[in-house]
Amino acid sequence: MEMNVGGLDKWLRIIAGIVLLAFVFILKDNDSLWLWGLIGIVPLATGLMGRCPLYTFIGVNTCKKS
C-alpha cells in the first residue's frame, strides 16, 4: 500500500492522537467525556502507519514523492 501521509501532517496526527488519548486518563471519572479520548486512536494510527483511508478516497497525498 502506498503511503499518503507525510511530513508535518504525520507529526500533527501523532501529537493530536497522543493528546486525545491522554483525555482517557484525565477524564476517566466522567463517564461520557472520556470516550471522546478514544477518538485519538484514529489520528495516532494513521500518523504511525503513514496511510489515511480518507485521503485515498478524496485523492489527497501529503507524502513527498521519492
N, C-alpha and C. Protein backbone atom coordinates (compact mmCIF):
# COMPACT_ATOMS: atom_id res chain seq x y z
N MET A 1 0.82 -1.17 0.00
CA MET A 1 0.00 0.00 0.00
C MET A 1 0.87 1.25 0.00
N GLU A 2 0.43 2.23 -0.73
CA GLU A 2 1.18 3.47 -0.87
C GLU A 2 0.90 4.41 0.30
N MET A 3 1.96 5.02 0.82
CA MET A 3 1.80 5.99 1.90
C MET A 3 1.24 7.29 1.33
N ASN A 4 0.32 7.91 2.05
CA ASN A 4 -0.22 9.19 1.59
C ASN A 4 -0.24 10.25 2.69
N VAL A 5 0.39 9.97 3.82
CA VAL A 5 0.51 10.93 4.91
C VAL A 5 2.00 11.10 5.21
N GLY A 6 2.48 12.32 5.15
CA GLY A 6 3.89 12.53 5.40
C GLY A 6 4.17 13.92 5.94
N GLY A 7 5.40 14.13 6.35
CA GLY A 7 5.85 15.43 6.80
C GLY A 7 5.14 15.94 8.03
N LEU A 8 4.79 17.22 7.98
CA LEU A 8 4.13 17.89 9.10
C LEU A 8 2.79 17.23 9.41
N ASP A 9 2.07 16.82 8.40
CA ASP A 9 0.77 16.16 8.59
C ASP A 9 0.91 14.93 9.48
N LYS A 10 1.94 14.16 9.24
CA LYS A 10 2.17 12.94 10.01
C LYS A 10 2.43 13.25 11.48
N TRP A 11 3.29 14.24 11.75
CA TRP A 11 3.62 14.58 13.13
C TRP A 11 2.44 15.22 13.85
N LEU A 12 1.65 16.03 13.16
CA LEU A 12 0.47 16.62 13.78
C LEU A 12 -0.55 15.55 14.16
N ARG A 13 -0.70 14.54 13.33
CA ARG A 13 -1.61 13.43 13.63
C ARG A 13 -1.14 12.65 14.86
N ILE A 14 0.15 12.39 14.95
CA ILE A 14 0.70 11.64 16.08
C ILE A 14 0.51 12.43 17.37
N ILE A 15 0.83 13.71 17.35
CA ILE A 15 0.69 14.55 18.54
C ILE A 15 -0.78 14.66 18.94
N ALA A 16 -1.66 14.91 17.97
CA ALA A 16 -3.09 15.02 18.28
C ALA A 16 -3.63 13.72 18.85
N GLY A 17 -3.19 12.59 18.31
CA GLY A 17 -3.63 11.29 18.82
C GLY A 17 -3.20 11.06 20.25
N ILE A 18 -1.97 11.43 20.58
CA ILE A 18 -1.47 11.26 21.94
C ILE A 18 -2.23 12.17 22.90
N VAL A 19 -2.47 13.40 22.49
CA VAL A 19 -3.21 14.35 23.35
C VAL A 19 -4.63 13.84 23.60
N LEU A 20 -5.31 13.40 22.55
CA LEU A 20 -6.66 12.90 22.72
C LEU A 20 -6.70 11.64 23.59
N LEU A 21 -5.74 10.76 23.41
CA LEU A 21 -5.69 9.56 24.25
C LEU A 21 -5.38 9.89 25.71
N ALA A 22 -4.69 10.99 25.94
CA ALA A 22 -4.42 11.41 27.32
C ALA A 22 -5.72 11.75 28.03
N PHE A 23 -6.72 12.23 27.28
CA PHE A 23 -8.02 12.54 27.87
C PHE A 23 -8.68 11.31 28.47
N VAL A 24 -8.36 10.13 27.96
CA VAL A 24 -8.92 8.90 28.52
C VAL A 24 -8.53 8.78 29.99
N PHE A 25 -7.29 9.12 30.31
CA PHE A 25 -6.80 9.01 31.68
C PHE A 25 -7.18 10.22 32.52
N ILE A 26 -7.22 11.39 31.90
CA ILE A 26 -7.56 12.61 32.63
C ILE A 26 -9.05 12.63 33.00
N LEU A 27 -9.90 12.20 32.07
CA LEU A 27 -11.35 12.28 32.26
C LEU A 27 -11.98 10.93 32.60
N LYS A 28 -11.21 10.03 33.20
CA LYS A 28 -11.73 8.68 33.45
C LYS A 28 -12.91 8.66 34.41
N ASP A 29 -13.05 9.70 35.26
CA ASP A 29 -14.17 9.73 36.19
C ASP A 29 -15.46 10.26 35.56
N ASN A 30 -15.33 10.94 34.43
CA ASN A 30 -16.50 11.46 33.73
C ASN A 30 -16.94 10.42 32.70
N ASP A 31 -18.07 9.78 32.93
CA ASP A 31 -18.50 8.65 32.12
C ASP A 31 -18.71 8.97 30.64
N SER A 32 -19.14 10.18 30.32
CA SER A 32 -19.47 10.47 28.93
C SER A 32 -18.31 11.10 28.16
N LEU A 33 -17.48 11.89 28.82
CA LEU A 33 -16.43 12.62 28.11
C LEU A 33 -15.18 11.81 27.83
N TRP A 34 -14.84 10.84 28.65
CA TRP A 34 -13.59 10.12 28.44
C TRP A 34 -13.62 9.29 27.16
N LEU A 35 -14.80 8.93 26.71
CA LEU A 35 -14.89 8.17 25.45
C LEU A 35 -14.40 8.99 24.26
N TRP A 36 -14.55 10.31 24.34
CA TRP A 36 -14.04 11.15 23.26
C TRP A 36 -12.53 11.01 23.11
N GLY A 37 -11.85 10.68 24.18
CA GLY A 37 -10.41 10.48 24.11
C GLY A 37 -10.02 9.30 23.24
N LEU A 38 -10.91 8.32 23.13
CA LEU A 38 -10.62 7.16 22.28
C LEU A 38 -10.57 7.51 20.80
N ILE A 39 -11.12 8.64 20.44
CA ILE A 39 -11.02 9.11 19.04
C ILE A 39 -9.55 9.31 18.67
N GLY A 40 -8.70 9.52 19.66
CA GLY A 40 -7.27 9.70 19.42
C GLY A 40 -6.60 8.51 18.76
N ILE A 41 -7.22 7.36 18.82
CA ILE A 41 -6.66 6.17 18.16
C ILE A 41 -6.55 6.37 16.66
N VAL A 42 -7.53 7.04 16.07
CA VAL A 42 -7.57 7.23 14.61
C VAL A 42 -6.39 8.07 14.12
N PRO A 43 -6.21 9.32 14.62
CA PRO A 43 -5.06 10.08 14.11
C PRO A 43 -3.72 9.46 14.47
N LEU A 44 -3.63 8.83 15.64
CA LEU A 44 -2.37 8.19 16.02
C LEU A 44 -2.05 7.04 15.07
N ALA A 45 -3.02 6.21 14.78
CA ALA A 45 -2.79 5.07 13.87
C ALA A 45 -2.46 5.53 12.46
N THR A 46 -3.19 6.51 11.94
CA THR A 46 -2.92 6.96 10.57
C THR A 46 -1.57 7.67 10.50
N GLY A 47 -1.19 8.36 11.57
CA GLY A 47 0.11 9.01 11.57
C GLY A 47 1.25 8.01 11.63
N LEU A 48 1.10 6.98 12.46
CA LEU A 48 2.16 5.97 12.57
C LEU A 48 2.26 5.10 11.32
N MET A 49 1.13 4.79 10.71
CA MET A 49 1.14 3.95 9.50
C MET A 49 1.49 4.75 8.25
N GLY A 50 1.25 6.06 8.28
CA GLY A 50 1.54 6.88 7.11
C GLY A 50 0.50 6.73 6.02
N ARG A 51 -0.65 6.22 6.38
CA ARG A 51 -1.70 5.98 5.38
C ARG A 51 -3.05 6.35 5.97
N CYS A 52 -3.82 7.15 5.22
CA CYS A 52 -5.13 7.58 5.66
C CYS A 52 -6.16 7.15 4.61
N PRO A 53 -7.12 6.30 4.98
CA PRO A 53 -8.14 5.85 4.03
C PRO A 53 -8.97 7.00 3.45
N LEU A 54 -9.24 8.02 4.26
CA LEU A 54 -10.00 9.17 3.76
C LEU A 54 -9.21 9.91 2.69
N TYR A 55 -7.90 10.08 2.89
CA TYR A 55 -7.07 10.72 1.87
C TYR A 55 -7.10 9.94 0.57
N THR A 56 -7.09 8.62 0.64
CA THR A 56 -7.16 7.79 -0.56
C THR A 56 -8.48 8.03 -1.28
N PHE A 57 -9.55 8.11 -0.54
CA PHE A 57 -10.88 8.30 -1.10
C PHE A 57 -11.02 9.64 -1.80
N ILE A 58 -10.47 10.72 -1.20
CA ILE A 58 -10.63 12.04 -1.80
C ILE A 58 -9.44 12.45 -2.66
N GLY A 59 -8.41 11.61 -2.75
CA GLY A 59 -7.30 11.85 -3.65
C GLY A 59 -6.24 12.82 -3.13
N VAL A 60 -6.06 12.89 -1.82
CA VAL A 60 -5.05 13.78 -1.23
C VAL A 60 -3.81 12.97 -0.89
N ASN A 61 -2.63 13.59 -1.10
CA ASN A 61 -1.38 12.93 -0.75
C ASN A 61 -0.42 13.98 -0.22
N THR A 62 -0.05 13.92 1.06
CA THR A 62 0.88 14.86 1.66
C THR A 62 2.28 14.27 1.80
N CYS A 63 2.46 13.07 1.32
CA CYS A 63 3.75 12.39 1.38
C CYS A 63 4.56 12.79 0.15
N LYS A 64 5.82 13.18 0.39
CA LYS A 64 6.68 13.59 -0.72
C LYS A 64 7.01 12.38 -1.59
N LYS A 65 7.02 12.60 -2.87
CA LYS A 65 7.38 11.54 -3.81
C LYS A 65 8.89 11.35 -3.84
N SER A 66 9.35 10.12 -3.94
CA SER A 66 10.78 9.82 -3.99
C SER A 66 11.27 9.86 -5.42
